Amino acid sequence: MTAKEKAKELIDRFRIGDRNMKSKAKQCALICVDEILDLQLELAHDDNVVNIEEFYIEVKQEIIKL
C-alpha cells in the first residue's frame, strides 16, 4: 500500500454518511497520524520498552468505554 492509498483509506474511514464531510475526515486522519508520530518520538527517547500494539489495543478499549 502506498502512502497516498493509506491517506485515502484513513479519510474514507472517518467520512461517515455525508460525502461533504471530507474536511472533518481529513482533520481526524491527520490527528491520528500525528499521534502515531508523537508516540514514536516519545519511545525513541524513553528507556521503557512499550509494545505499541498492546498500547493501542488498550487505547481502543478506553475509547469504547467513553
N, C-alpha and C. Protein backbone atom coordinates (compact mmCIF):
# COMPACT_ATOMS: atom_id res chain seq x y z
N MET A 1 0.85 -1.17 0.00
CA MET A 1 0.00 0.00 0.00
C MET A 1 0.89 1.24 0.00
N THR A 2 0.56 2.19 -0.83
CA THR A 2 1.33 3.43 -0.90
C THR A 2 0.83 4.40 0.18
N ALA A 3 1.62 5.44 0.42
CA ALA A 3 1.22 6.46 1.39
C ALA A 3 -0.07 7.14 0.93
N LYS A 4 -0.20 7.37 -0.37
CA LYS A 4 -1.39 8.02 -0.90
C LYS A 4 -2.62 7.13 -0.68
N GLU A 5 -2.47 5.84 -0.92
CA GLU A 5 -3.59 4.90 -0.71
C GLU A 5 -3.99 4.86 0.77
N LYS A 6 -2.99 4.85 1.66
CA LYS A 6 -3.28 4.82 3.10
C LYS A 6 -3.99 6.10 3.53
N ALA A 7 -3.54 7.23 3.00
CA ALA A 7 -4.17 8.52 3.33
C ALA A 7 -5.64 8.50 2.91
N LYS A 8 -5.91 8.04 1.70
CA LYS A 8 -7.29 7.97 1.22
C LYS A 8 -8.11 7.01 2.07
N GLU A 9 -7.52 5.88 2.44
CA GLU A 9 -8.23 4.91 3.28
C GLU A 9 -8.61 5.52 4.62
N LEU A 10 -7.68 6.22 5.25
CA LEU A 10 -7.97 6.85 6.55
C LEU A 10 -9.08 7.88 6.42
N ILE A 11 -9.00 8.72 5.41
CA ILE A 11 -10.03 9.74 5.22
C ILE A 11 -11.38 9.08 4.99
N ASP A 12 -11.41 8.05 4.16
CA ASP A 12 -12.67 7.36 3.88
C ASP A 12 -13.26 6.71 5.13
N ARG A 13 -12.41 6.22 6.00
CA ARG A 13 -12.89 5.59 7.23
C ARG A 13 -13.52 6.60 8.18
N PHE A 14 -13.02 7.82 8.17
CA PHE A 14 -13.57 8.85 9.05
C PHE A 14 -14.77 9.56 8.44
N ARG A 15 -14.94 9.44 7.16
CA ARG A 15 -16.06 10.09 6.49
C ARG A 15 -17.30 9.24 6.69
N ILE A 16 -18.22 9.72 7.51
CA ILE A 16 -19.42 8.96 7.84
C ILE A 16 -20.62 9.65 7.20
N GLY A 17 -21.33 8.90 6.39
CA GLY A 17 -22.55 9.43 5.80
C GLY A 17 -22.31 10.47 4.74
N ASP A 18 -22.47 11.71 5.10
CA ASP A 18 -22.41 12.83 4.17
C ASP A 18 -21.07 12.91 3.45
N ARG A 19 -21.10 12.90 2.15
CA ARG A 19 -19.86 12.97 1.36
C ARG A 19 -19.18 14.33 1.49
N ASN A 20 -19.89 15.32 2.02
CA ASN A 20 -19.31 16.65 2.19
C ASN A 20 -18.48 16.76 3.46
N MET A 21 -18.30 15.67 4.17
CA MET A 21 -17.57 15.68 5.43
C MET A 21 -16.08 15.44 5.23
N LYS A 22 -15.58 15.60 4.02
CA LYS A 22 -14.18 15.30 3.74
C LYS A 22 -13.23 16.13 4.59
N SER A 23 -13.54 17.40 4.80
CA SER A 23 -12.67 18.27 5.59
C SER A 23 -12.52 17.76 7.02
N LYS A 24 -13.62 17.39 7.65
CA LYS A 24 -13.57 16.85 9.02
C LYS A 24 -12.85 15.51 9.05
N ALA A 25 -13.09 14.68 8.04
CA ALA A 25 -12.44 13.38 7.96
C ALA A 25 -10.93 13.56 7.82
N LYS A 26 -10.50 14.53 7.04
CA LYS A 26 -9.06 14.80 6.89
C LYS A 26 -8.46 15.25 8.23
N GLN A 27 -9.18 16.07 8.97
CA GLN A 27 -8.70 16.53 10.27
C GLN A 27 -8.52 15.35 11.22
N CYS A 28 -9.47 14.45 11.25
CA CYS A 28 -9.38 13.27 12.11
C CYS A 28 -8.21 12.38 11.71
N ALA A 29 -8.06 12.16 10.42
CA ALA A 29 -6.96 11.33 9.93
C ALA A 29 -5.61 11.95 10.29
N LEU A 30 -5.50 13.26 10.14
CA LEU A 30 -4.24 13.95 10.49
C LEU A 30 -3.95 13.85 11.98
N ILE A 31 -4.96 13.94 12.81
CA ILE A 31 -4.77 13.79 14.25
C ILE A 31 -4.23 12.41 14.57
N CYS A 32 -4.79 11.39 13.93
CA CYS A 32 -4.31 10.01 14.16
C CYS A 32 -2.85 9.85 13.77
N VAL A 33 -2.50 10.36 12.61
CA VAL A 33 -1.12 10.24 12.15
C VAL A 33 -0.18 11.02 13.08
N ASP A 34 -0.59 12.21 13.49
CA ASP A 34 0.24 12.99 14.43
C ASP A 34 0.45 12.24 15.74
N GLU A 35 -0.58 11.59 16.24
CA GLU A 35 -0.46 10.82 17.48
C GLU A 35 0.54 9.67 17.32
N ILE A 36 0.49 8.98 16.20
CA ILE A 36 1.42 7.88 15.95
C ILE A 36 2.85 8.40 15.88
N LEU A 37 3.05 9.50 15.18
CA LEU A 37 4.39 10.09 15.07
C LEU A 37 4.89 10.57 16.43
N ASP A 38 4.02 11.19 17.21
CA ASP A 38 4.41 11.65 18.54
C ASP A 38 4.82 10.48 19.43
N LEU A 39 4.06 9.39 19.37
CA LEU A 39 4.38 8.22 20.17
C LEU A 39 5.73 7.65 19.78
N GLN A 40 6.02 7.60 18.49
CA GLN A 40 7.32 7.09 18.06
C GLN A 40 8.45 7.95 18.59
N LEU A 41 8.26 9.26 18.59
CA LEU A 41 9.28 10.16 19.13
C LEU A 41 9.47 9.94 20.63
N GLU A 42 8.37 9.77 21.34
CA GLU A 42 8.44 9.52 22.78
C GLU A 42 9.19 8.22 23.06
N LEU A 43 8.87 7.18 22.31
CA LEU A 43 9.50 5.88 22.53
C LEU A 43 10.99 5.92 22.21
N ALA A 44 11.37 6.73 21.24
CA ALA A 44 12.77 6.83 20.86
C ALA A 44 13.61 7.44 21.99
N HIS A 45 12.97 8.23 22.84
CA HIS A 45 13.68 8.90 23.93
C HIS A 45 13.37 8.30 25.29
N ASP A 46 12.68 7.17 25.31
CA ASP A 46 12.26 6.54 26.56
C ASP A 46 12.97 5.21 26.72
N ASP A 47 13.48 4.96 27.91
CA ASP A 47 14.17 3.69 28.17
C ASP A 47 13.20 2.54 28.40
N ASN A 48 11.94 2.85 28.69
CA ASN A 48 10.94 1.80 28.92
C ASN A 48 10.50 1.21 27.58
N VAL A 49 10.53 -0.09 27.48
CA VAL A 49 10.09 -0.74 26.26
C VAL A 49 8.58 -0.88 26.31
N VAL A 50 7.91 -0.38 25.28
CA VAL A 50 6.46 -0.42 25.21
C VAL A 50 6.07 -1.16 23.94
N ASN A 51 5.15 -2.11 24.08
CA ASN A 51 4.61 -2.80 22.93
C ASN A 51 3.54 -1.91 22.33
N ILE A 52 3.80 -1.37 21.17
CA ILE A 52 2.88 -0.41 20.56
C ILE A 52 1.52 -1.04 20.28
N GLU A 53 1.51 -2.30 19.82
CA GLU A 53 0.24 -2.96 19.54
C GLU A 53 -0.60 -3.08 20.80
N GLU A 54 0.00 -3.52 21.90
CA GLU A 54 -0.73 -3.64 23.16
C GLU A 54 -1.22 -2.28 23.65
N PHE A 55 -0.38 -1.27 23.48
CA PHE A 55 -0.74 0.08 23.90
C PHE A 55 -1.98 0.55 23.16
N TYR A 56 -2.00 0.40 21.83
CA TYR A 56 -3.14 0.88 21.06
C TYR A 56 -4.38 0.02 21.25
N ILE A 57 -4.22 -1.25 21.56
CA ILE A 57 -5.38 -2.07 21.90
C ILE A 57 -6.02 -1.54 23.17
N GLU A 58 -5.18 -1.18 24.14
CA GLU A 58 -5.70 -0.61 25.38
C GLU A 58 -6.35 0.75 25.14
N VAL A 59 -5.74 1.57 24.29
CA VAL A 59 -6.32 2.88 23.96
C VAL A 59 -7.69 2.68 23.31
N LYS A 60 -7.78 1.72 22.39
CA LYS A 60 -9.05 1.44 21.72
C LYS A 60 -10.11 1.05 22.74
N GLN A 61 -9.75 0.20 23.67
CA GLN A 61 -10.69 -0.22 24.72
C GLN A 61 -11.16 0.97 25.55
N GLU A 62 -10.26 1.87 25.86
CA GLU A 62 -10.63 3.04 26.65
C GLU A 62 -11.54 3.98 25.84
N ILE A 63 -11.30 4.10 24.55
CA ILE A 63 -12.18 4.94 23.70
C ILE A 63 -13.58 4.36 23.71
N ILE A 64 -13.69 3.05 23.59
CA ILE A 64 -15.00 2.40 23.57
C ILE A 64 -15.75 2.65 24.87
N LYS A 65 -15.03 2.70 25.98
CA LYS A 65 -15.65 2.93 27.29
C LYS A 65 -16.20 4.34 27.43
N LEU A 66 -15.63 5.30 26.72
CA LEU A 66 -16.03 6.71 26.87
C LEU A 66 -17.41 6.98 26.30
